Amino acid sequence: MNIFFPLTALFMLGMLTAVTAVSEPVCSYKNSQGETVFLKYLPYLKKGEDYVDFGANGLCTKQATCTETFKTEVEDCSKYPVSCSNKNTFNGVFPACCVKC
């Protein structure tokens, strides 16, 4: 028996499983540092992953969320009237991270 036959069979089996693998659709967002961030939509939870974009000064500038249609929805800090006196009224990191007190 040829020693390369088992190795070839394993290689072909690996190729077969790689071909049948299905990639999951994702959303993408380019952050303020120029890096691409990939976000998923979780259909069973009916919720998209989100990403809070922090600038070099430590304050956040935007939040990106993956939608059900795999589109990236981006919200800017300027959309929210956040100040030091009302930042505790917002739930979560964004948009409270838009101001530094």
PDB file of N, CA and C in Angstrom:
ATOM      1  N   MET A   1       0.849  -1.181   0.000  1.00  0.00           N
ATOM      2  CA  MET A   1       0.000   0.000   0.000  1.00  0.00           C
ATOM      3  C   MET A   1       0.890   1.238   0.000  1.00  0.00           C
ATOM      4  N   ASN A   2       0.513   2.167  -0.753  1.00  0.00           N
ATOM      5  CA  ASN A   2       1.263   3.406  -0.869  1.00  0.00           C
ATOM      6  C   ASN A   2       1.022   4.261   0.381  1.00  0.00           C
ATOM      7  N   ILE A   3       2.057   4.829   0.940  1.00  0.00           N
ATOM      8  CA  ILE A   3       1.944   5.639   2.168  1.00  0.00           C
ATOM      9  C   ILE A   3       1.217   6.964   1.912  1.00  0.00           C
ATOM     10  N   PHE A   4       1.237   7.422   0.672  1.00  0.00           N
ATOM     11  CA  PHE A   4       0.601   8.702   0.363  1.00  0.00           C
ATOM     12  C   PHE A   4      -0.913   8.587   0.202  1.00  0.00           C
ATOM     13  N   PHE A   5      -1.430   7.374   0.026  1.00  0.00           N
ATOM     14  CA  PHE A   5      -2.878   7.207  -0.152  1.00  0.00           C
ATOM     15  C   PHE A   5      -3.677   7.704   1.053  1.00  0.00           C
ATOM     16  N   PRO A   6      -3.327   7.299   2.292  1.00  0.00           N
ATOM     17  CA  PRO A   6      -4.097   7.820   3.445  1.00  0.00           C
ATOM     18  C   PRO A   6      -4.008   9.339   3.586  1.00  0.00           C
ATOM     19  N   LEU A   7      -2.830   9.881   3.295  1.00  0.00           N
ATOM     20  CA  LEU A   7      -2.678  11.339   3.387  1.00  0.00           C
ATOM     21  C   LEU A   7      -3.518  12.042   2.331  1.00  0.00           C
ATOM     22  N   THR A   8      -3.552  11.470   1.132  1.00  0.00           N
ATOM     23  CA  THR A   8      -4.361  12.054   0.057  1.00  0.00           C
ATOM     24  C   THR A   8      -5.841  11.981   0.413  1.00  0.00           C
ATOM     25  N   ALA A   9      -6.259  10.861   0.985  1.00  0.00           N
ATOM     26  CA  ALA A   9      -7.660  10.711   1.372  1.00  0.00           C
ATOM     27  C   ALA A   9      -8.042  11.738   2.435  1.00  0.00           C
ATOM     28  N   LEU A  10      -7.178  11.951   3.421  1.00  0.00           N
ATOM     29  CA  LEU A  10      -7.454  12.955   4.456  1.00  0.00           C
ATOM     30  C   LEU A  10      -7.514  14.356   3.866  1.00  0.00           C
ATOM     31  N   PHE A  11      -6.617  14.642   2.944  1.00  0.00           N
ATOM     32  CA  PHE A  11      -6.590  15.956   2.297  1.00  0.00           C
ATOM     33  C   PHE A  11      -7.887  16.192   1.522  1.00  0.00           C
ATOM     34  N   MET A  12      -8.331  15.160   0.769  1.00  0.00           N
ATOM     35  CA  MET A  12      -9.561  15.288  -0.011  1.00  0.00           C
ATOM     36  C   MET A  12     -10.774  15.449   0.901  1.00  0.00           C
ATOM     37  N   LEU A  13     -10.798  14.746   2.015  1.00  0.00           N
ATOM     38  CA  LEU A  13     -11.885  14.878   2.969  1.00  0.00           C
ATOM     39  C   LEU A  13     -11.927  16.300   3.541  1.00  0.00           C
ATOM     40  N   GLY A  14     -10.759  16.845   3.846  1.00  0.00           N
ATOM     41  CA  GLY A  14     -10.678  18.219   4.333  1.00  0.00           C
ATOM     42  C   GLY A  14     -11.169  19.212   3.302  1.00  0.00           C
ATOM     43  N   MET A  15     -10.830  18.984   2.038  1.00  0.00           N
ATOM     44  CA  MET A  15     -11.297  19.859   0.967  1.00  0.00           C
ATOM     45  C   MET A  15     -12.814  19.788   0.842  1.00  0.00           C
ATOM     46  N   LEU A  16     -13.383  18.599   0.975  1.00  0.00           N
ATOM     47  CA  LEU A  16     -14.821  18.422   0.865  1.00  0.00           C
ATOM     48  C   LEU A  16     -15.555  19.185   1.971  1.00  0.00           C
ATOM     49  N   THR A  17     -15.066  19.103   3.189  1.00  0.00           N
ATOM     50  CA  THR A  17     -15.719  19.819   4.286  1.00  0.00           C
ATOM     51  C   THR A  17     -15.554  21.325   4.142  1.00  0.00           C
ATOM     52  N   ALA A  18     -14.431  21.764   3.591  1.00  0.00           N
ATOM     53  CA  ALA A  18     -14.217  23.194   3.390  1.00  0.00           C
ATOM     54  C   ALA A  18     -15.158  23.746   2.329  1.00  0.00           C
ATOM     55  N   VAL A  19     -15.443  22.943   1.324  1.00  0.00           N
ATOM     56  CA  VAL A  19     -16.320  23.388   0.248  1.00  0.00           C
ATOM     57  C   VAL A  19     -17.760  23.481   0.736  1.00  0.00           C
ATOM     58  N   THR A  20     -18.180  22.579   1.616  1.00  0.00           N
ATOM     59  CA  THR A  20     -19.564  22.574   2.076  1.00  0.00           C
ATOM     60  C   THR A  20     -19.813  23.591   3.198  1.00  0.00           C
ATOM     61  N   ALA A  21     -18.776  24.176   3.735  1.00  0.00           N
ATOM     62  CA  ALA A  21     -18.955  25.175   4.798  1.00  0.00           C
ATOM     63  C   ALA A  21     -19.640  26.411   4.218  1.00  0.00           C
ATOM     64  N   VAL A  22     -20.563  26.967   4.969  1.00  0.00           N
ATOM     65  CA  VAL A  22     -21.308  28.149   4.535  1.00  0.00           C
ATOM     66  C   VAL A  22     -20.872  29.327   5.384  1.00  0.00           C
ATOM     67  N   SER A  23     -20.534  30.425   4.728  1.00  0.00           N
ATOM     68  CA  SER A  23     -20.129  31.596   5.486  1.00  0.00           C
ATOM     69  C   SER A  23     -21.370  32.359   5.937  1.00  0.00           C
ATOM     70  N   GLU A  24     -21.283  32.911   7.098  1.00  0.00           N
ATOM     71  CA  GLU A  24     -22.384  33.658   7.704  1.00  0.00           C
ATOM     72  C   GLU A  24     -22.301  35.114   7.260  1.00  0.00           C
ATOM     73  N   PRO A  25     -23.426  35.714   6.839  1.00  0.00           N
ATOM     74  CA  PRO A  25     -23.363  37.127   6.447  1.00  0.00           C
ATOM     75  C   PRO A  25     -23.068  38.009   7.657  1.00  0.00           C
ATOM     76  N   VAL A  26     -22.289  39.030   7.446  1.00  0.00           N
ATOM     77  CA  VAL A  26     -21.917  39.951   8.515  1.00  0.00           C
ATOM     78  C   VAL A  26     -22.013  41.387   8.008  1.00  0.00           C
ATOM     79  N   CYS A  27     -21.997  42.314   8.931  1.00  0.00           N
ATOM     80  CA  CYS A  27     -21.929  43.741   8.622  1.00  0.00           C
ATOM     81  C   CYS A  27     -20.492  44.192   8.868  1.00  0.00           C
ATOM     82  N   SER A  28     -20.112  45.280   8.247  1.00  0.00           N
ATOM     83  CA  SER A  28     -18.767  45.804   8.487  1.00  0.00           C
ATOM     84  C   SER A  28     -18.836  47.298   8.790  1.00  0.00           C
ATOM     85  N   TYR A  29     -17.842  47.756   9.535  1.00  0.00           N
ATOM     86  CA  TYR A  29     -17.747  49.165   9.914  1.00  0.00           C
ATOM     87  C   TYR A  29     -16.275  49.532   9.978  1.00  0.00           C
ATOM     88  N   LYS A  30     -15.914  50.647   9.388  1.00  0.00           N
ATOM     89  CA  LYS A  30     -14.528  51.131   9.455  1.00  0.00           C
ATOM     90  C   LYS A  30     -14.440  52.149  10.577  1.00  0.00           C
ATOM     91  N   ASN A  31     -13.654  51.817  11.626  1.00  0.00           N
ATOM     92  CA  ASN A  31     -13.594  52.685  12.804  1.00  0.00           C
ATOM     93  C   ASN A  31     -12.674  53.882  12.597  1.00  0.00           C
ATOM     94  N   SER A  32     -12.575  54.731  13.595  1.00  0.00           N
ATOM     95  CA  SER A  32     -11.804  55.969  13.474  1.00  0.00           C
ATOM     96  C   SER A  32     -10.299  55.725  13.342  1.00  0.00           C
ATOM     97  N   GLN A  33      -9.839  54.520  13.680  1.00  0.00           N
ATOM     98  CA  GLN A  33      -8.422  54.176  13.509  1.00  0.00           C
ATOM     99  C   GLN A  33      -8.156  53.553  12.138  1.00  0.00           C
ATOM    100  N   GLY A  34      -9.195  53.423  11.317  1.00  0.00           N
ATOM    101  CA  GLY A  34      -9.051  52.872   9.976  1.00  0.00           C
ATOM    102  C   GLY A  34      -9.155  51.351   9.908  1.00  0.00           C
ATOM    103  N   GLU A  35      -9.485  50.710  11.016  1.00  0.00           N
ATOM    104  CA  GLU A  35      -9.617  49.252  11.049  1.00  0.00           C
ATOM    105  C   GLU A  35     -11.054  48.867  10.682  1.00  0.00           C
ATOM    106  N   THR A  36     -11.204  47.746   9.995  1.00  0.00           N
ATOM    107  CA  THR A  36     -12.529  47.233   9.671  1.00  0.00           C
ATOM    108  C   THR A  36     -12.978  46.288  10.769  1.00  0.00           C
ATOM    109  N   VAL A  37     -14.168  46.534  11.283  1.00  0.00           N
ATOM    110  CA  VAL A  37     -14.750  45.723  12.348  1.00  0.00           C
ATOM    111  C   VAL A  37     -15.946  44.980  11.754  1.00  0.00           C
ATOM    112  N   PHE A  38     -16.023  43.666  12.010  1.00  0.00           N
ATOM    113  CA  PHE A  38     -17.129  42.867  11.507  1.00  0.00           C
ATOM    114  C   PHE A  38     -18.117  42.583  12.631  1.00  0.00           C
ATOM    115  N   LEU A  39     -19.394  42.773  12.334  1.00  0.00           N
ATOM    116  CA  LEU A  39     -20.461  42.595  13.308  1.00  0.00           C
ATOM    117  C   LEU A  39     -21.461  41.574  12.783  1.00  0.00           C
ATOM    118  N   LYS A  40     -22.049  40.797  13.683  1.00  0.00           N
ATOM    119  CA  LYS A  40     -23.033  39.786  13.299  1.00  0.00           C
ATOM    120  C   LYS A  40     -24.437  40.242  13.683  1.00  0.00           C
ATOM    121  N   TYR A  41     -25.401  39.690  12.978  1.00  0.00           N
ATOM    122  CA  TYR A  41     -26.790  39.808  13.397  1.00  0.00           C
ATOM    123  C   TYR A  41     -27.197  38.447  13.947  1.00  0.00           C
ATOM    124  N   LEU A  42     -27.775  38.427  15.140  1.00  0.00           N
ATOM    125  CA  LEU A  42     -28.152  37.183  15.813  1.00  0.00           C
ATOM    126  C   LEU A  42     -29.654  36.970  15.630  1.00  0.00           C
ATOM    127  N   PRO A  43     -30.056  36.148  14.629  1.00  0.00           N
ATOM    128  CA  PRO A  43     -31.473  36.032  14.293  1.00  0.00           C
ATOM    129  C   PRO A  43     -32.342  35.449  15.405  1.00  0.00           C
ATOM    130  N   TYR A  44     -31.826  34.527  16.193  1.00  0.00           N
ATOM    131  CA  TYR A  44     -32.639  33.936  17.260  1.00  0.00           C
ATOM    132  C   TYR A  44     -32.927  34.933  18.378  1.00  0.00           C
ATOM    133  N   LEU A  45     -32.006  35.862  18.582  1.00  0.00           N
ATOM    134  CA  LEU A  45     -32.219  36.908  19.580  1.00  0.00           C
ATOM    135  C   LEU A  45     -32.870  38.154  18.980  1.00  0.00           C
ATOM    136  N   LYS A  46     -32.918  38.178  17.639  1.00  0.00           N
ATOM    137  CA  LYS A  46     -33.417  39.350  16.902  1.00  0.00           C
ATOM    138  C   LYS A  46     -32.698  40.611  17.346  1.00  0.00           C
ATOM    139  N   LYS A  47     -31.372  40.490  17.401  1.00  0.00           N
ATOM    140  CA  LYS A  47     -30.533  41.591  17.869  1.00  0.00           C
ATOM    141  C   LYS A  47     -29.210  41.568  17.119  1.00  0.00           C
ATOM    142  N   GLY A  48     -28.748  42.734  16.745  1.00  0.00           N
ATOM    143  CA  GLY A  48     -27.463  42.848  16.078  1.00  0.00           C
ATOM    144  C   GLY A  48     -26.369  43.214  17.058  1.00  0.00           C
ATOM    145  N   GLU A  49     -25.166  42.751  16.761  1.00  0.00           N
ATOM    146  CA  GLU A  49     -24.025  43.166  17.581  1.00  0.00           C
ATOM    147  C   GLU A  49     -23.782  44.646  17.345  1.00  0.00           C
ATOM    148  N   ASP A  50     -23.230  45.306  18.351  1.00  0.00           N
ATOM    149  CA  ASP A  50     -22.895  46.710  18.176  1.00  0.00           C
ATOM    150  C   ASP A  50     -21.435  46.935  18.520  1.00  0.00           C
ATOM    151  N   TYR A  51     -20.926  48.056  18.037  1.00  0.00           N
ATOM    152  CA  TYR A  51     -19.535  48.442  18.256  1.00  0.00           C
ATOM    153  C   TYR A  51     -19.509  49.921  18.570  1.00  0.00           C
ATOM    154  N   VAL A  52     -18.896  50.275  19.680  1.00  0.00           N
ATOM    155  CA  VAL A  52     -18.758  51.681  20.054  1.00  0.00           C
ATOM    156  C   VAL A  52     -17.357  52.129  19.645  1.00  0.00           C
ATOM    157  N   ASP A  53     -17.309  53.160  18.828  1.00  0.00           N
ATOM    158  CA  ASP A  53     -16.052  53.673  18.278  1.00  0.00           C
ATOM    159  C   ASP A  53     -15.512  54.777  19.187  1.00  0.00           C
ATOM    160  N   PHE A  54     -14.368  54.499  19.797  1.00  0.00           N
ATOM    161  CA  PHE A  54     -13.723  55.473  20.669  1.00  0.00           C
ATOM    162  C   PHE A  54     -12.605  56.173  19.924  1.00  0.00           C
ATOM    163  N   GLY A  55     -12.545  57.498  20.055  1.00  0.00           N
ATOM    164  CA  GLY A  55     -11.483  58.270  19.444  1.00  0.00           C
ATOM    165  C   GLY A  55     -10.223  58.239  20.292  1.00  0.00           C
ATOM    166  N   ALA A  56      -9.189  58.912  19.832  1.00  0.00           N
ATOM    167  CA  ALA A  56      -7.899  58.946  20.529  1.00  0.00           C
ATOM    168  C   ALA A  56      -8.010  59.637  21.891  1.00  0.00           C
ATOM    169  N   ASN A  57      -8.992  60.514  22.064  1.00  0.00           N
ATOM    170  CA  ASN A  57      -9.144  61.249  23.329  1.00  0.00           C
ATOM    171  C   ASN A  57      -9.910  60.456  24.391  1.00  0.00           C
ATOM    172  N   GLY A  58     -10.334  59.238  24.073  1.00  0.00           N
ATOM    173  CA  GLY A  58     -11.042  58.402  25.036  1.00  0.00           C
ATOM    174  C   GLY A  58     -12.547  58.558  25.024  1.00  0.00           C
ATOM    175  N   LEU A  59     -13.031  59.520  24.272  1.00  0.00           N
ATOM    176  CA  LEU A  59     -14.470  59.708  24.137  1.00  0.00           C
ATOM    177  C   LEU A  59     -14.972  58.926  22.928  1.00  0.00           C
ATOM    178  N   CYS A  60     -16.182  58.411  23.032  1.00  0.00           N
ATOM    179  CA  CYS A  60     -16.730  57.714  21.877  1.00  0.00           C
ATOM    180  C   CYS A  60     -17.281  58.737  20.893  1.00  0.00           C
ATOM    181  N   THR A  61     -17.313  58.347  19.643  1.00  0.00           N
ATOM    182  CA  THR A  61     -17.807  59.241  18.603  1.00  0.00           C
ATOM    183  C   THR A  61     -19.032  58.686  17.903  1.00  0.00           C
ATOM    184  N   LYS A  62     -19.067  57.345  17.722  1.00  0.00           N
ATOM    185  CA  LYS A  62     -20.163  56.711  16.997  1.00  0.00           C
ATOM    186  C   LYS A  62     -20.424  55.322  17.550  1.00  0.00           C
ATOM    187  N   GLN A  63     -21.609  54.815  17.212  1.00  0.00           N
ATOM    188  CA  GLN A  63     -21.954  53.436  17.518  1.00  0.00           C
ATOM    189  C   GLN A  63     -22.467  52.801  16.231  1.00  0.00           C
ATOM    190  N   ALA A  64     -21.920  51.645  15.880  1.00  0.00           N
ATOM    191  CA  ALA A  64     -22.353  50.895  14.703  1.00  0.00           C
ATOM    192  C   ALA A  64     -23.104  49.657  15.160  1.00  0.00           C
ATOM    193  N   THR A  65     -24.233  49.373  14.519  1.00  0.00           N
ATOM    194  CA  THR A  65     -25.048  48.209  14.859  1.00  0.00           C
ATOM    195  C   THR A  65     -25.411  47.478  13.575  1.00  0.00           C
ATOM    196  N   CYS A  66     -25.351  46.150  13.617  1.00  0.00           N
ATOM    197  CA  CYS A  66     -25.737  45.323  12.475  1.00  0.00           C
ATOM    198  C   CYS A  66     -27.250  45.108  12.524  1.00  0.00           C
ATOM    199  N   THR A  67     -27.944  45.383  11.411  1.00  0.00           N
ATOM    200  CA  THR A  67     -29.396  45.245  11.368  1.00  0.00           C
ATOM    201  C   THR A  67     -29.806  43.881  10.815  1.00  0.00           C
ATOM    202  N   GLU A  68     -31.080  43.607  10.869  1.00  0.00           N
ATOM    203  CA  GLU A  68     -31.639  42.332  10.401  1.00  0.00           C
ATOM    204  C   GLU A  68     -31.366  42.097   8.912  1.00  0.00           C
ATOM    205  N   THR A  69     -31.239  43.165   8.153  1.00  0.00           N
ATOM    206  CA  THR A  69     -30.965  43.059   6.711  1.00  0.00           C
ATOM    207  C   THR A  69     -29.464  43.137   6.420  1.00  0.00           C
ATOM    208  N   PHE A  70     -28.638  43.012   7.467  1.00  0.00           N
ATOM    209  CA  PHE A  70     -27.185  43.019   7.372  1.00  0.00           C
ATOM    210  C   PHE A  70     -26.645  44.331   6.808  1.00  0.00           C
ATOM    211  N   LYS A  71     -27.283  45.401   7.196  1.00  0.00           N
ATOM    212  CA  LYS A  71     -26.801  46.755   6.896  1.00  0.00           C
ATOM    213  C   LYS A  71     -26.251  47.329   8.197  1.00  0.00           C
ATOM    214  N   THR A  72     -25.209  48.110   8.091  1.00  0.00           N
ATOM    215  CA  THR A  72     -24.615  48.730   9.269  1.00  0.00           C
ATOM    216  C   THR A  72     -25.296  50.069   9.529  1.00  0.00           C
ATOM    217  N   GLU A  73     -25.905  50.180  10.695  1.00  0.00           N
ATOM    218  CA  GLU A  73     -26.557  51.426  11.102  1.00  0.00           C
ATOM    219  C   GLU A  73     -25.597  52.162  12.025  1.00  0.00           C
ATOM    220  N   VAL A  74     -25.254  53.397  11.673  1.00  0.00           N
ATOM    221  CA  VAL A  74     -24.286  54.176  12.453  1.00  0.00           C
ATOM    222  C   VAL A  74     -24.987  55.369  13.082  1.00  0.00           C
ATOM    223  N   GLU A  75     -24.840  55.496  14.402  1.00  0.00           N
ATOM    224  CA  GLU A  75     -25.385  56.636  15.130  1.00  0.00           C
ATOM    225  C   GLU A  75     -24.234  57.500  15.622  1.00  0.00           C
ATOM    226  N   ASP A  76     -24.384  58.785  15.493  1.00  0.00           N
ATOM    227  CA  ASP A  76     -23.357  59.745  15.882  1.00  0.00           C
ATOM    228  C   ASP A  76     -23.713  60.367  17.227  1.00  0.00           C
ATOM    229  N   CYS A  77     -22.693  60.767  17.978  1.00  0.00           N
ATOM    230  CA  CYS A  77     -22.921  61.416  19.282  1.00  0.00           C
ATOM    231  C   CYS A  77     -23.773  62.669  19.159  1.00  0.00           C
ATOM    232  N   SER A  78     -23.648  63.365  18.052  1.00  0.00           N
ATOM    233  CA  SER A  78     -24.387  64.622  17.890  1.00  0.00           C
ATOM    234  C   SER A  78     -25.905  64.406  17.864  1.00  0.00           C
ATOM    235  N   LYS A  79     -26.342  63.169  17.672  1.00  0.00           N
ATOM    236  CA  LYS A  79     -27.776  62.852  17.663  1.00  0.00           C
ATOM    237  C   LYS A  79     -28.375  62.926  19.066  1.00  0.00           C
ATOM    238  N   TYR A  80     -27.542  62.789  20.071  1.00  0.00           N
ATOM    239  CA  TYR A  80     -28.004  62.728  21.461  1.00  0.00           C
ATOM    240  C   TYR A  80     -27.560  63.959  22.247  1.00  0.00           C
ATOM    241  N   PRO A  81     -28.467  64.595  22.966  1.00  0.00           N
ATOM    242  CA  PRO A  81     -28.108  65.770  23.771  1.00  0.00           C
ATOM    243  C   PRO A  81     -27.521  65.344  25.126  1.00  0.00           C
ATOM    244  N   VAL A  82     -26.336  64.777  25.105  1.00  0.00           N
ATOM    245  CA  VAL A  82     -25.715  64.265  26.327  1.00  0.00           C
ATOM    246  C   VAL A  82     -24.887  65.368  26.981  1.00  0.00           C
ATOM    247  N   SER A  83     -25.058  65.508  28.281  1.00  0.00           N
ATOM    248  CA  SER A  83     -24.245  66.449  29.063  1.00  0.00           C
ATOM    249  C   SER A  83     -23.846  65.746  30.358  1.00  0.00           C
ATOM    250  N   CYS A  84     -22.989  66.380  31.129  1.00  0.00           N
ATOM    251  CA  CYS A  84     -22.565  65.782  32.407  1.00  0.00           C
ATOM    252  C   CYS A  84     -23.735  65.626  33.374  1.00  0.00           C
ATOM    253  N   SER A  85     -24.702  66.499  33.274  1.00  0.00           N
ATOM    254  CA  SER A  85     -25.830  66.438  34.211  1.00  0.00           C
ATOM    255  C   SER A  85     -26.854  65.353  33.850  1.00  0.00           C
ATOM    256  N   ASN A  86     -26.927  64.949  32.572  1.00  0.00           N
ATOM    257  CA  ASN A  86     -27.939  63.957  32.202  1.00  0.00           C
ATOM    258  C   ASN A  86     -27.365  62.631  31.688  1.00  0.00           C
ATOM    259  N   LYS A  87     -26.065  62.467  31.709  1.00  0.00           N
ATOM    260  CA  LYS A  87     -25.482  61.258  31.122  1.00  0.00           C
ATOM    261  C   LYS A  87     -25.897  59.983  31.843  1.00  0.00           C
ATOM    262  N   ASN A  88     -26.272  60.075  33.115  1.00  0.00           N
ATOM    263  CA  ASN A  88     -26.711  58.889  33.859  1.00  0.00           C
ATOM    264  C   ASN A  88     -28.111  58.429  33.468  1.00  0.00           C
ATOM    265  N   THR A  89     -28.823  59.233  32.710  1.00  0.00           N
ATOM    266  CA  THR A  89     -30.175  58.843  32.282  1.00  0.00           C
ATOM    267  C   THR A  89     -30.146  57.924  31.062  1.00  0.00           C
ATOM    268  N   PHE A  90     -29.003  57.781  30.416  1.00  0.00           N
ATOM    269  CA  PHE A  90     -28.871  56.918  29.244  1.00  0.00           C
ATOM    270  C   PHE A  90     -28.419  55.525  29.673  1.00  0.00           C
ATOM    271  N   ASN A  91     -29.035  54.506  29.088  1.00  0.00           N
ATOM    272  CA  ASN A  91     -28.653  53.120  29.390  1.00  0.00           C
ATOM    273  C   ASN A  91     -27.492  52.686  28.495  1.00  0.00           C
ATOM    274  N   GLY A  92     -26.591  51.897  29.046  1.00  0.00           N
ATOM    275  CA  GLY A  92     -25.483  51.372  28.261  1.00  0.00           C
ATOM    276  C   GLY A  92     -24.326  52.341  28.138  1.00  0.00           C
ATOM    277  N   VAL A  93     -23.335  51.896  27.399  1.00  0.00           N
ATOM    278  CA  VAL A  93     -22.121  52.699  27.212  1.00  0.00           C
ATOM    279  C   VAL A  93     -22.388  53.901  26.313  1.00  0.00           C
ATOM    280  N   PHE A  94     -23.051  53.636  25.183  1.00  0.00           N
ATOM    281  CA  PHE A  94     -23.352  54.706  24.230  1.00  0.00           C
ATOM    282  C   PHE A  94     -24.744  55.227  24.503  1.00  0.00           C
ATOM    283  N   PRO A  95     -24.986  56.478  24.523  1.00  0.00           N
ATOM    284  CA  PRO A  95     -24.171  57.636  24.207  1.00  0.00           C
ATOM    285  C   PRO A  95     -23.532  58.313  25.420  1.00  0.00           C
ATOM    286  N   ALA A  96     -23.618  57.696  26.601  1.00  0.00           N
ATOM    287  CA  ALA A  96     -23.050  58.329  27.794  1.00  0.00           C
ATOM    288  C   ALA A  96     -21.543  58.572  27.653  1.00  0.00           C
ATOM    289  N   CYS A  97     -20.878  57.774  26.814  1.00  0.00           N
ATOM    290  CA  CYS A  97     -19.432  57.919  26.651  1.00  0.00           C
ATOM    291  C   CYS A  97     -19.055  59.101  25.756  1.00  0.00           C
ATOM    292  N   CYS A  98     -20.048  59.817  25.255  1.00  0.00           N
ATOM    293  CA  CYS A  98     -19.781  60.957  24.359  1.00  0.00           C
ATOM    294  C   CYS A  98     -19.239  62.183  25.089  1.00  0.00           C
ATOM    295  N   VAL A  99     -19.404  62.226  26.416  1.00  0.00           N
ATOM    296  CA  VAL A  99     -18.905  63.364  27.198  1.00  0.00           C
ATOM    297  C   VAL A  99     -17.999  62.847  28.315  1.00  0.00           C
ATOM    298  N   LYS A 100     -17.049  63.662  28.692  1.00  0.00           N
ATOM    299  CA  LYS A 100     -16.154  63.347  29.804  1.00  0.00           C
ATOM    300  C   LYS A 100     -16.398  64.377  30.883  1.00  0.00           C
ATOM    301  N   CYS A 101     -16.704  63.908  32.066  1.00  0.00           N
ATOM    302  CA  CYS A 101     -17.028  64.838  33.163  1.00  0.00           C
ATOM    303  C   CYS A 101     -15.989  64.742  34.272  1.00  0.00           C
TER     304      CYS A 101
END
